Amino acid sequence: MAWLHLILAGAFEVVGVTGMNKVAKDKNVQSYMILVLGFVLSFGFLSLAMQSLPMGLSYAVWTGIGTVGGTIIGMLFYGEAKDWRRILFIGLIVIAVVGLKMTS
């Protein structure tokens, strides 16, 4: 269950970062709600995950999911570059996160 909490924490981290981007573009209530709700749920699920998983592992996986998710959202919806090197390094982050899961 801790791993599910950690994955949800990473997913809501992406929601929070997307909210940050929306706030930067449109300072309205909906943008702020996405930002706040995303980060509150992210930290809440991270806290639940860390009750069973080590801090270093939890933080590495959480930031990895947030980094990969934020980059993919940026490429798909916000016109960020889709260079093959970016995709390669995203893949390396995913491999690192999977490796951490396999060794814990």
PDB file of N, CA and C in Angstrom:
ATOM      1  N   MET A   1       0.817  -1.197   0.000  1.00  0.00           N
ATOM      2  CA  MET A   1       0.000   0.000   0.000  1.00  0.00           C
ATOM      3  C   MET A   1       0.863   1.263   0.000  1.00  0.00           C
ATOM      4  N   ALA A   2       2.046   1.167   0.611  1.00  0.00           N
ATOM      5  CA  ALA A   2       2.934   2.334   0.669  1.00  0.00           C
ATOM      6  C   ALA A   2       3.368   2.753  -0.728  1.00  0.00           C
ATOM      7  N   TRP A   3       3.599   1.786  -1.596  1.00  0.00           N
ATOM      8  CA  TRP A   3       4.006   2.128  -2.959  1.00  0.00           C
ATOM      9  C   TRP A   3       2.879   2.810  -3.716  1.00  0.00           C
ATOM     10  N   LEU A   4       1.645   2.390  -3.495  1.00  0.00           N
ATOM     11  CA  LEU A   4       0.506   3.066  -4.112  1.00  0.00           C
ATOM     12  C   LEU A   4       0.418   4.507  -3.617  1.00  0.00           C
ATOM     13  N   HIS A   5       0.624   4.702  -2.315  1.00  0.00           N
ATOM     14  CA  HIS A   5       0.628   6.060  -1.764  1.00  0.00           C
ATOM     15  C   HIS A   5       1.732   6.899  -2.403  1.00  0.00           C
ATOM     16  N   LEU A   6       2.879   6.295  -2.607  1.00  0.00           N
ATOM     17  CA  LEU A   6       4.003   7.019  -3.199  1.00  0.00           C
ATOM     18  C   LEU A   6       3.726   7.398  -4.655  1.00  0.00           C
ATOM     19  N   ILE A   7       3.128   6.496  -5.396  1.00  0.00           N
ATOM     20  CA  ILE A   7       2.768   6.796  -6.789  1.00  0.00           C
ATOM     21  C   ILE A   7       1.722   7.906  -6.837  1.00  0.00           C
ATOM     22  N   LEU A   8       0.736   7.834  -5.955  1.00  0.00           N
ATOM     23  CA  LEU A   8      -0.270   8.904  -5.894  1.00  0.00           C
ATOM     24  C   LEU A   8       0.363  10.238  -5.496  1.00  0.00           C
ATOM     25  N   ALA A   9       1.310  10.199  -4.582  1.00  0.00           N
ATOM     26  CA  ALA A   9       2.008  11.424  -4.175  1.00  0.00           C
ATOM     27  C   ALA A   9       2.721  12.040  -5.371  1.00  0.00           C
ATOM     28  N   GLY A  10       3.380  11.213  -6.160  1.00  0.00           N
ATOM     29  CA  GLY A  10       4.054  11.721  -7.356  1.00  0.00           C
ATOM     30  C   GLY A  10       3.077  12.265  -8.381  1.00  0.00           C
ATOM     31  N   ALA A  11       1.957  11.583  -8.554  1.00  0.00           N
ATOM     32  CA  ALA A  11       0.950  12.042  -9.514  1.00  0.00           C
ATOM     33  C   ALA A  11       0.378  13.400  -9.095  1.00  0.00           C
ATOM     34  N   PHE A  12       0.100  13.553  -7.813  1.00  0.00           N
ATOM     35  CA  PHE A  12      -0.429  14.843  -7.344  1.00  0.00           C
ATOM     36  C   PHE A  12       0.643  15.929  -7.335  1.00  0.00           C
ATOM     37  N   GLU A  13       1.901  15.526  -7.280  1.00  0.00           N
ATOM     38  CA  GLU A  13       2.994  16.494  -7.453  1.00  0.00           C
ATOM     39  C   GLU A  13       2.915  17.100  -8.852  1.00  0.00           C
ATOM     40  N   VAL A  14       2.635  16.272  -9.828  1.00  0.00           N
ATOM     41  CA  VAL A  14       2.479  16.742 -11.209  1.00  0.00           C
ATOM     42  C   VAL A  14       1.281  17.688 -11.304  1.00  0.00           C
ATOM     43  N   VAL A  15       0.194  17.353 -10.620  1.00  0.00           N
ATOM     44  CA  VAL A  15      -0.983  18.235 -10.602  1.00  0.00           C
ATOM     45  C   VAL A  15      -0.606  19.586  -9.989  1.00  0.00           C
ATOM     46  N   GLY A  16       0.141  19.567  -8.880  1.00  0.00           N
ATOM     47  CA  GLY A  16       0.561  20.814  -8.241  1.00  0.00           C
ATOM     48  C   GLY A  16       1.452  21.659  -9.135  1.00  0.00           C
ATOM     49  N   VAL A  17       2.377  21.027  -9.827  1.00  0.00           N
ATOM     50  CA  VAL A  17       3.269  21.755 -10.728  1.00  0.00           C
ATOM     51  C   VAL A  17       2.486  22.326 -11.904  1.00  0.00           C
ATOM     52  N   THR A  18       1.527  21.559 -12.403  1.00  0.00           N
ATOM     53  CA  THR A  18       0.661  22.067 -13.467  1.00  0.00           C
ATOM     54  C   THR A  18      -0.130  23.272 -12.964  1.00  0.00           C
ATOM     55  N   GLY A  19      -0.577  23.204 -11.713  1.00  0.00           N
ATOM     56  CA  GLY A  19      -1.257  24.345 -11.104  1.00  0.00           C
ATOM     57  C   GLY A  19      -0.348  25.561 -11.025  1.00  0.00           C
ATOM     58  N   MET A  20       0.928  25.351 -10.724  1.00  0.00           N
ATOM     59  CA  MET A  20       1.876  26.472 -10.694  1.00  0.00           C
ATOM     60  C   MET A  20       1.964  27.143 -12.057  1.00  0.00           C
ATOM     61  N   ASN A  21       2.000  26.334 -13.091  1.00  0.00           N
ATOM     62  CA  ASN A  21       2.054  26.874 -14.450  1.00  0.00           C
ATOM     63  C   ASN A  21       0.775  27.643 -14.775  1.00  0.00           C
ATOM     64  N   LYS A  22      -0.367  27.102 -14.359  1.00  0.00           N
ATOM     65  CA  LYS A  22      -1.631  27.785 -14.604  1.00  0.00           C
ATOM     66  C   LYS A  22      -1.703  29.108 -13.849  1.00  0.00           C
ATOM     67  N   VAL A  23      -1.211  29.143 -12.609  1.00  0.00           N
ATOM     68  CA  VAL A  23      -1.211  30.381 -11.828  1.00  0.00           C
ATOM     69  C   VAL A  23      -0.327  31.429 -12.492  1.00  0.00           C
ATOM     70  N   ALA A  24       0.793  30.992 -13.044  1.00  0.00           N
ATOM     71  CA  ALA A  24       1.693  31.929 -13.721  1.00  0.00           C
ATOM     72  C   ALA A  24       1.016  32.563 -14.933  1.00  0.00           C
ATOM     73  N   LYS A  25       0.099  31.822 -15.565  1.00  0.00           N
ATOM     74  CA  LYS A  25      -0.577  32.327 -16.757  1.00  0.00           C
ATOM     75  C   LYS A  25      -1.904  33.007 -16.435  1.00  0.00           C
ATOM     76  N   ASP A  26      -2.680  32.431 -15.543  1.00  0.00           N
ATOM     77  CA  ASP A  26      -4.010  32.945 -15.192  1.00  0.00           C
ATOM     78  C   ASP A  26      -4.146  32.967 -13.677  1.00  0.00           C
ATOM     79  N   LYS A  27      -4.093  34.107 -13.099  1.00  0.00           N
ATOM     80  CA  LYS A  27      -4.209  34.200 -11.637  1.00  0.00           C
ATOM     81  C   LYS A  27      -5.695  34.217 -11.251  1.00  0.00           C
ATOM     82  N   ASN A  28      -6.335  33.036 -11.365  1.00  0.00           N
ATOM     83  CA  ASN A  28      -7.735  32.935 -10.974  1.00  0.00           C
ATOM     84  C   ASN A  28      -7.896  31.867  -9.894  1.00  0.00           C
ATOM     85  N   VAL A  29      -9.091  31.783  -9.343  1.00  0.00           N
ATOM     86  CA  VAL A  29      -9.342  30.873  -8.225  1.00  0.00           C
ATOM     87  C   VAL A  29      -9.117  29.423  -8.637  1.00  0.00           C
ATOM     88  N   GLN A  30      -9.554  29.052  -9.832  1.00  0.00           N
ATOM     89  CA  GLN A  30      -9.393  27.667 -10.279  1.00  0.00           C
ATOM     90  C   GLN A  30      -7.919  27.272 -10.340  1.00  0.00           C
ATOM     91  N   SER A  31      -7.073  28.147 -10.851  1.00  0.00           N
ATOM     92  CA  SER A  31      -5.639  27.849 -10.943  1.00  0.00           C
ATOM     93  C   SER A  31      -5.042  27.658  -9.555  1.00  0.00           C
ATOM     94  N   TYR A  32      -5.393  28.534  -8.626  1.00  0.00           N
ATOM     95  CA  TYR A  32      -4.879  28.408  -7.260  1.00  0.00           C
ATOM     96  C   TYR A  32      -5.396  27.141  -6.584  1.00  0.00           C
ATOM     97  N   MET A  33      -6.634  26.762  -6.860  1.00  0.00           N
ATOM     98  CA  MET A  33      -7.186  25.545  -6.255  1.00  0.00           C
ATOM     99  C   MET A  33      -6.450  24.305  -6.768  1.00  0.00           C
ATOM    100  N   ILE A  34      -6.148  24.280  -8.052  1.00  0.00           N
ATOM    101  CA  ILE A  34      -5.393  23.147  -8.612  1.00  0.00           C
ATOM    102  C   ILE A  34      -4.022  23.066  -7.948  1.00  0.00           C
ATOM    103  N   LEU A  35      -3.361  24.197  -7.817  1.00  0.00           N
ATOM    104  CA  LEU A  35      -2.045  24.247  -7.197  1.00  0.00           C
ATOM    105  C   LEU A  35      -2.089  23.755  -5.749  1.00  0.00           C
ATOM    106  N   VAL A  36      -2.961  24.321  -4.962  1.00  0.00           N
ATOM    107  CA  VAL A  36      -3.029  23.986  -3.533  1.00  0.00           C
ATOM    108  C   VAL A  36      -3.472  22.540  -3.336  1.00  0.00           C
ATOM    109  N   LEU A  37      -4.531  22.149  -4.014  1.00  0.00           N
ATOM    110  CA  LEU A  37      -5.041  20.788  -3.849  1.00  0.00           C
ATOM    111  C   LEU A  37      -4.001  19.755  -4.291  1.00  0.00           C
ATOM    112  N   GLY A  38      -3.325  20.030  -5.403  1.00  0.00           N
ATOM    113  CA  GLY A  38      -2.297  19.103  -5.879  1.00  0.00           C
ATOM    114  C   GLY A  38      -1.192  18.904  -4.860  1.00  0.00           C
ATOM    115  N   PHE A  39      -0.680  20.009  -4.304  1.00  0.00           N
ATOM    116  CA  PHE A  39       0.426  19.883  -3.358  1.00  0.00           C
ATOM    117  C   PHE A  39      -0.020  19.332  -1.999  1.00  0.00           C
ATOM    118  N   VAL A  40      -1.222  19.692  -1.549  1.00  0.00           N
ATOM    119  CA  VAL A  40      -1.709  19.146  -0.273  1.00  0.00           C
ATOM    120  C   VAL A  40      -1.854  17.630  -0.375  1.00  0.00           C
ATOM    121  N   LEU A  41      -2.479  17.170  -1.463  1.00  0.00           N
ATOM    122  CA  LEU A  41      -2.632  15.721  -1.630  1.00  0.00           C
ATOM    123  C   LEU A  41      -1.278  15.042  -1.840  1.00  0.00           C
ATOM    124  N   SER A  42      -0.382  15.700  -2.561  1.00  0.00           N
ATOM    125  CA  SER A  42       0.946  15.134  -2.786  1.00  0.00           C
ATOM    126  C   SER A  42       1.684  14.921  -1.470  1.00  0.00           C
ATOM    127  N   PHE A  43       1.728  15.956  -0.649  1.00  0.00           N
ATOM    128  CA  PHE A  43       2.426  15.826   0.635  1.00  0.00           C
ATOM    129  C   PHE A  43       1.713  14.855   1.569  1.00  0.00           C
ATOM    130  N   GLY A  44       0.392  14.819   1.503  1.00  0.00           N
ATOM    131  CA  GLY A  44      -0.356  13.878   2.332  1.00  0.00           C
ATOM    132  C   GLY A  44      -0.029  12.437   1.984  1.00  0.00           C
ATOM    133  N   PHE A  45      -0.053  12.120   0.685  1.00  0.00           N
ATOM    134  CA  PHE A  45       0.276  10.750   0.271  1.00  0.00           C
ATOM    135  C   PHE A  45       1.752  10.432   0.502  1.00  0.00           C
ATOM    136  N   LEU A  46       2.621  11.415   0.329  1.00  0.00           N
ATOM    137  CA  LEU A  46       4.039  11.188   0.621  1.00  0.00           C
ATOM    138  C   LEU A  46       4.232  10.847   2.095  1.00  0.00           C
ATOM    139  N   SER A  47       3.530  11.546   2.946  1.00  0.00           N
ATOM    140  CA  SER A  47       3.608  11.282   4.379  1.00  0.00           C
ATOM    141  C   SER A  47       3.141   9.863   4.710  1.00  0.00           C
ATOM    142  N   LEU A  48       2.065   9.445   4.077  1.00  0.00           N
ATOM    143  CA  LEU A  48       1.581   8.074   4.300  1.00  0.00           C
ATOM    144  C   LEU A  48       2.600   7.046   3.810  1.00  0.00           C
ATOM    145  N   ALA A  49       3.193   7.298   2.664  1.00  0.00           N
ATOM    146  CA  ALA A  49       4.178   6.361   2.114  1.00  0.00           C
ATOM    147  C   ALA A  49       5.395   6.245   3.022  1.00  0.00           C
ATOM    148  N   MET A  50       5.811   7.381   3.597  1.00  0.00           N
ATOM    149  CA  MET A  50       7.017   7.387   4.422  1.00  0.00           C
ATOM    150  C   MET A  50       6.819   6.713   5.781  1.00  0.00           C
ATOM    151  N   GLN A  51       5.596   6.343   6.106  1.00  0.00           N
ATOM    152  CA  GLN A  51       5.383   5.570   7.327  1.00  0.00           C
ATOM    153  C   GLN A  51       5.931   4.157   7.188  1.00  0.00           C
ATOM    154  N   SER A  52       6.036   3.672   5.934  1.00  0.00           N
ATOM    155  CA  SER A  52       6.531   2.312   5.695  1.00  0.00           C
ATOM    156  C   SER A  52       7.823   2.263   4.878  1.00  0.00           C
ATOM    157  N   LEU A  53       8.051   3.280   4.056  1.00  0.00           N
ATOM    158  CA  LEU A  53       9.226   3.284   3.183  1.00  0.00           C
ATOM    159  C   LEU A  53      10.276   4.246   3.714  1.00  0.00           C
ATOM    160  N   PRO A  54      11.549   3.964   3.443  1.00  0.00           N
ATOM    161  CA  PRO A  54      12.608   4.863   3.899  1.00  0.00           C
ATOM    162  C   PRO A  54      12.490   6.249   3.246  1.00  0.00           C
ATOM    163  N   MET A  55      12.932   7.262   3.975  1.00  0.00           N
ATOM    164  CA  MET A  55      12.833   8.641   3.510  1.00  0.00           C
ATOM    165  C   MET A  55      13.571   8.854   2.194  1.00  0.00           C
ATOM    166  N   GLY A  56      14.814   8.395   2.092  1.00  0.00           N
ATOM    167  CA  GLY A  56      15.600   8.617   0.889  1.00  0.00           C
ATOM    168  C   GLY A  56      14.950   8.003  -0.339  1.00  0.00           C
ATOM    169  N   LEU A  57      14.477   6.790  -0.210  1.00  0.00           N
ATOM    170  CA  LEU A  57      13.794   6.107  -1.301  1.00  0.00           C
ATOM    171  C   LEU A  57      12.517   6.848  -1.676  1.00  0.00           C
ATOM    172  N   SER A  58      11.721   7.189  -0.681  1.00  0.00           N
ATOM    173  CA  SER A  58      10.453   7.881  -0.931  1.00  0.00           C
ATOM    174  C   SER A  58      10.680   9.198  -1.657  1.00  0.00           C
ATOM    175  N   TYR A  59      11.639   9.963  -1.182  1.00  0.00           N
ATOM    176  CA  TYR A  59      11.897  11.263  -1.783  1.00  0.00           C
ATOM    177  C   TYR A  59      12.411  11.122  -3.212  1.00  0.00           C
ATOM    178  N   ALA A  60      13.293  10.170  -3.446  1.00  0.00           N
ATOM    179  CA  ALA A  60      13.843   9.960  -4.791  1.00  0.00           C
ATOM    180  C   ALA A  60      12.743   9.558  -5.773  1.00  0.00           C
ATOM    181  N   VAL A  61      11.888   8.648  -5.381  1.00  0.00           N
ATOM    182  CA  VAL A  61      10.818   8.196  -6.266  1.00  0.00           C
ATOM    183  C   VAL A  61       9.804   9.314  -6.485  1.00  0.00           C
ATOM    184  N   TRP A  62       9.447  10.021  -5.426  1.00  0.00           N
ATOM    185  CA  TRP A  62       8.479  11.125  -5.507  1.00  0.00           C
ATOM    186  C   TRP A  62       8.967  12.213  -6.456  1.00  0.00           C
ATOM    187  N   THR A  63      10.217  12.616  -6.298  1.00  0.00           N
ATOM    188  CA  THR A  63      10.748  13.658  -7.184  1.00  0.00           C
ATOM    189  C   THR A  63      10.919  13.134  -8.612  1.00  0.00           C
ATOM    190  N   GLY A  64      11.259  11.858  -8.747  1.00  0.00           N
ATOM    191  CA  GLY A  64      11.386  11.273 -10.086  1.00  0.00           C
ATOM    192  C   GLY A  64      10.053  11.280 -10.826  1.00  0.00           C
ATOM    193  N   ILE A  65       9.002  10.866 -10.141  1.00  0.00           N
ATOM    194  CA  ILE A  65       7.670  10.884 -10.754  1.00  0.00           C
ATOM    195  C   ILE A  65       7.277  12.319 -11.093  1.00  0.00           C
ATOM    196  N   GLY A  66       7.529  13.238 -10.179  1.00  0.00           N
ATOM    197  CA  GLY A  66       7.195  14.640 -10.435  1.00  0.00           C
ATOM    198  C   GLY A  66       7.971  15.218 -11.601  1.00  0.00           C
ATOM    199  N   THR A  67       9.251  14.899 -11.686  1.00  0.00           N
ATOM    200  CA  THR A  67      10.095  15.409 -12.769  1.00  0.00           C
ATOM    201  C   THR A  67       9.654  14.853 -14.116  1.00  0.00           C
ATOM    202  N   VAL A  68       9.489  13.547 -14.188  1.00  0.00           N
ATOM    203  CA  VAL A  68       9.078  12.919 -15.442  1.00  0.00           C
ATOM    204  C   VAL A  68       7.677  13.385 -15.834  1.00  0.00           C
ATOM    205  N   GLY A  69       6.765  13.378 -14.887  1.00  0.00           N
ATOM    206  CA  GLY A  69       5.390  13.788 -15.182  1.00  0.00           C
ATOM    207  C   GLY A  69       5.303  15.236 -15.617  1.00  0.00           C
ATOM    208  N   GLY A  70       6.002  16.110 -14.897  1.00  0.00           N
ATOM    209  CA  GLY A  70       5.987  17.527 -15.254  1.00  0.00           C
ATOM    210  C   GLY A  70       6.581  17.778 -16.625  1.00  0.00           C
ATOM    211  N   THR A  71       7.647  17.065 -16.950  1.00  0.00           N
ATOM    212  CA  THR A  71       8.278  17.227 -18.254  1.00  0.00           C
ATOM    213  C   THR A  71       7.374  16.722 -19.375  1.00  0.00           C
ATOM    214  N   ILE A  72       6.730  15.593 -19.157  1.00  0.00           N
ATOM    215  CA  ILE A  72       5.829  15.050 -20.181  1.00  0.00           C
ATOM    216  C   ILE A  72       4.621  15.962 -20.371  1.00  0.00           C
ATOM    217  N   ILE A  73       4.039  16.470 -19.283  1.00  0.00           N
ATOM    218  CA  ILE A  73       2.914  17.408 -19.395  1.00  0.00           C
ATOM    219  C   ILE A  73       3.356  18.654 -20.160  1.00  0.00           C
ATOM    220  N   GLY A  74       4.540  19.146 -19.856  1.00  0.00           N
ATOM    221  CA  GLY A  74       5.060  20.316 -20.561  1.00  0.00           C
ATOM    222  C   GLY A  74       5.215  20.063 -22.056  1.00  0.00           C
ATOM    223  N   MET A  75       5.705  18.884 -22.413  1.00  0.00           N
ATOM    224  CA  MET A  75       5.889  18.561 -23.822  1.00  0.00           C
ATOM    225  C   MET A  75       4.546  18.373 -24.538  1.00  0.00           C
ATOM    226  N   LEU A  76       3.594  17.724 -23.867  1.00  0.00           N
ATOM    227  CA  LEU A  76       2.318  17.427 -24.512  1.00  0.00           C
ATOM    228  C   LEU A  76       1.375  18.627 -24.592  1.00  0.00           C
ATOM    229  N   PHE A  77       1.354  19.450 -23.543  1.00  0.00           N
ATOM    230  CA  PHE A  77       0.324  20.486 -23.461  1.00  0.00           C
ATOM    231  C   PHE A  77       0.837  21.926 -23.507  1.00  0.00           C
ATOM    232  N   TYR A  78       2.129  22.129 -23.281  1.00  0.00           N
ATOM    233  CA  TYR A  78       2.631  23.497 -23.188  1.00  0.00           C
ATOM    234  C   TYR A  78       3.722  23.815 -24.207  1.00  0.00           C
ATOM    235  N   GLY A  79       3.851  22.986 -25.217  1.00  0.00           N
ATOM    236  CA  GLY A  79       4.752  23.275 -26.323  1.00  0.00           C
ATOM    237  C   GLY A  79       6.237  23.211 -26.009  1.00  0.00           C
ATOM    238  N   GLU A  80       6.619  22.508 -24.949  1.00  0.00           N
ATOM    239  CA  GLU A  80       8.042  22.367 -24.655  1.00  0.00           C
ATOM    240  C   GLU A  80       8.689  21.416 -25.658  1.00  0.00           C
ATOM    241  N   ALA A  81       9.984  21.550 -25.832  1.00  0.00           N
ATOM    242  CA  ALA A  81      10.719  20.771 -26.823  1.00  0.00           C
ATOM    243  C   ALA A  81      10.559  19.268 -26.586  1.00  0.00           C
ATOM    244  N   LYS A  82      10.449  18.538 -27.697  1.00  0.00           N
ATOM    245  CA  LYS A  82      10.336  17.075 -27.651  1.00  0.00           C
ATOM    246  C   LYS A  82      11.595  16.441 -28.233  1.00  0.00           C
ATOM    247  N   ASP A  83      12.716  17.010 -27.911  1.00  0.00           N
ATOM    248  CA  ASP A  83      14.007  16.552 -28.403  1.00  0.00           C
ATOM    249  C   ASP A  83      14.281  15.124 -27.931  1.00  0.00           C
ATOM    250  N   TRP A  84      14.928  14.329 -28.763  1.00  0.00           N
ATOM    251  CA  TRP A  84      15.208  12.939 -28.414  1.00  0.00           C
ATOM    252  C   TRP A  84      16.055  12.826 -27.167  1.00  0.00           C
ATOM    253  N   ARG A  85      16.920  13.817 -26.921  1.00  0.00           N
ATOM    254  CA  ARG A  85      17.766  13.762 -25.723  1.00  0.00           C
ATOM    255  C   ARG A  85      16.940  13.930 -24.456  1.00  0.00           C
ATOM    256  N   ARG A  86      15.926  14.786 -24.492  1.00  0.00           N
ATOM    257  CA  ARG A  86      15.035  14.931 -23.329  1.00  0.00           C
ATOM    258  C   ARG A  86      14.336  13.617 -23.038  1.00  0.00           C
ATOM    259  N   ILE A  87      13.846  12.983 -24.099  1.00  0.00           N
ATOM    260  CA  ILE A  87      13.145  11.710 -23.942  1.00  0.00           C
ATOM    261  C   ILE A  87      14.097  10.636 -23.422  1.00  0.00           C
ATOM    262  N   LEU A  88      15.331  10.631 -23.890  1.00  0.00           N
ATOM    263  CA  LEU A  88      16.338   9.691 -23.397  1.00  0.00           C
ATOM    264  C   LEU A  88      16.554   9.867 -21.894  1.00  0.00           C
ATOM    265  N   PHE A  89      16.735  11.104 -21.457  1.00  0.00           N
ATOM    266  CA  PHE A  89      16.996  11.336 -20.040  1.00  0.00           C
ATOM    267  C   PHE A  89      15.768  11.087 -19.167  1.00  0.00           C
ATOM    268  N   ILE A  90      14.583  11.311 -19.707  1.00  0.00           N
ATOM    269  CA  ILE A  90      13.367  10.924 -18.987  1.00  0.00           C
ATOM    270  C   ILE A  90      13.373   9.410 -18.782  1.00  0.00           C
ATOM    271  N   GLY A  91      13.738   8.683 -19.818  1.00  0.00           N
ATOM    272  CA  GLY A  91      13.832   7.230 -19.717  1.00  0.00           C
ATOM    273  C   GLY A  91      14.833   6.788 -18.662  1.00  0.00           C
ATOM    274  N   LEU A  92      15.947   7.494 -18.564  1.00  0.00           N
ATOM    275  CA  LEU A  92      16.947   7.158 -17.543  1.00  0.00           C
ATOM    276  C   LEU A  92      16.406   7.392 -16.130  1.00  0.00           C
ATOM    277  N   ILE A  93      15.614   8.444 -15.963  1.00  0.00           N
ATOM    278  CA  ILE A  93      14.998   8.686 -14.651  1.00  0.00           C
ATOM    279  C   ILE A  93      14.044   7.549 -14.319  1.00  0.00           C
ATOM    280  N   VAL A  94      13.237   7.142 -15.287  1.00  0.00           N
ATOM    281  CA  VAL A  94      12.302   6.031 -15.060  1.00  0.00           C
ATOM    282  C   VAL A  94      13.067   4.763 -14.704  1.00  0.00           C
ATOM    283  N   ILE A  95      14.153   4.485 -15.414  1.00  0.00           N
ATOM    284  CA  ILE A  95      14.974   3.302 -15.109  1.00  0.00           C
ATOM    285  C   ILE A  95      15.528   3.382 -13.693  1.00  0.00           C
ATOM    286  N   ALA A  96      15.971   4.559 -13.274  1.00  0.00           N
ATOM    287  CA  ALA A  96      16.500   4.733 -11.918  1.00  0.00           C
ATOM    288  C   ALA A  96      15.423   4.484 -10.870  1.00  0.00           C
ATOM    289  N   VAL A  97      14.217   4.981 -11.107  1.00  0.00           N
ATOM    290  CA  VAL A  97      13.126   4.777 -10.148  1.00  0.00           C
ATOM    291  C   VAL A  97      12.764   3.295 -10.065  1.00  0.00           C
ATOM    292  N   VAL A  98      12.689   2.636 -11.206  1.00  0.00           N
ATOM    293  CA  VAL A  98      12.405   1.196 -11.207  1.00  0.00           C
ATOM    294  C   VAL A  98      13.525   0.446 -10.488  1.00  0.00           C
ATOM    295  N   GLY A  99      14.769   0.853 -10.717  1.00  0.00           N
ATOM    296  CA  GLY A  99      15.880   0.221 -10.011  1.00  0.00           C
ATOM    297  C   GLY A  99      15.793   0.385  -8.507  1.00  0.00           C
ATOM    298  N   LEU A 100      15.377   1.555  -8.059  1.00  0.00           N
ATOM    299  CA  LEU A 100      15.206   1.763  -6.618  1.00  0.00           C
ATOM    300  C   LEU A 100      14.112   0.844  -6.069  1.00  0.00           C
ATOM    301  N   LYS A 101      13.040   0.671  -6.823  1.00  0.00           N
ATOM    302  CA  LYS A 101      11.951  -0.202  -6.391  1.00  0.00           C
ATOM    303  C   LYS A 101      12.436  -1.651  -6.299  1.00  0.00           C
ATOM    304  N   MET A 102      13.242  -2.051  -7.275  1.00  0.00           N
ATOM    305  CA  MET A 102      13.710  -3.432  -7.294  1.00  0.00           C
ATOM    306  C   MET A 102      14.713  -3.732  -6.190  1.00  0.00           C
ATOM    307  N   THR A 103      15.390  -2.720  -5.698  1.00  0.00           N
ATOM    308  CA  THR A 103      16.407  -2.958  -4.661  1.00  0.00           C
ATOM    309  C   THR A 103      15.892  -2.676  -3.252  1.00  0.00           C
ATOM    310  N   SER A 104      14.629  -2.294  -3.138  1.00  0.00           N
ATOM    311  CA  SER A 104      14.110  -2.008  -1.784  1.00  0.00           C
ATOM    312  C   SER A 104      13.175  -3.094  -1.311  1.00  0.00           C
TER     313      SER A 104
END
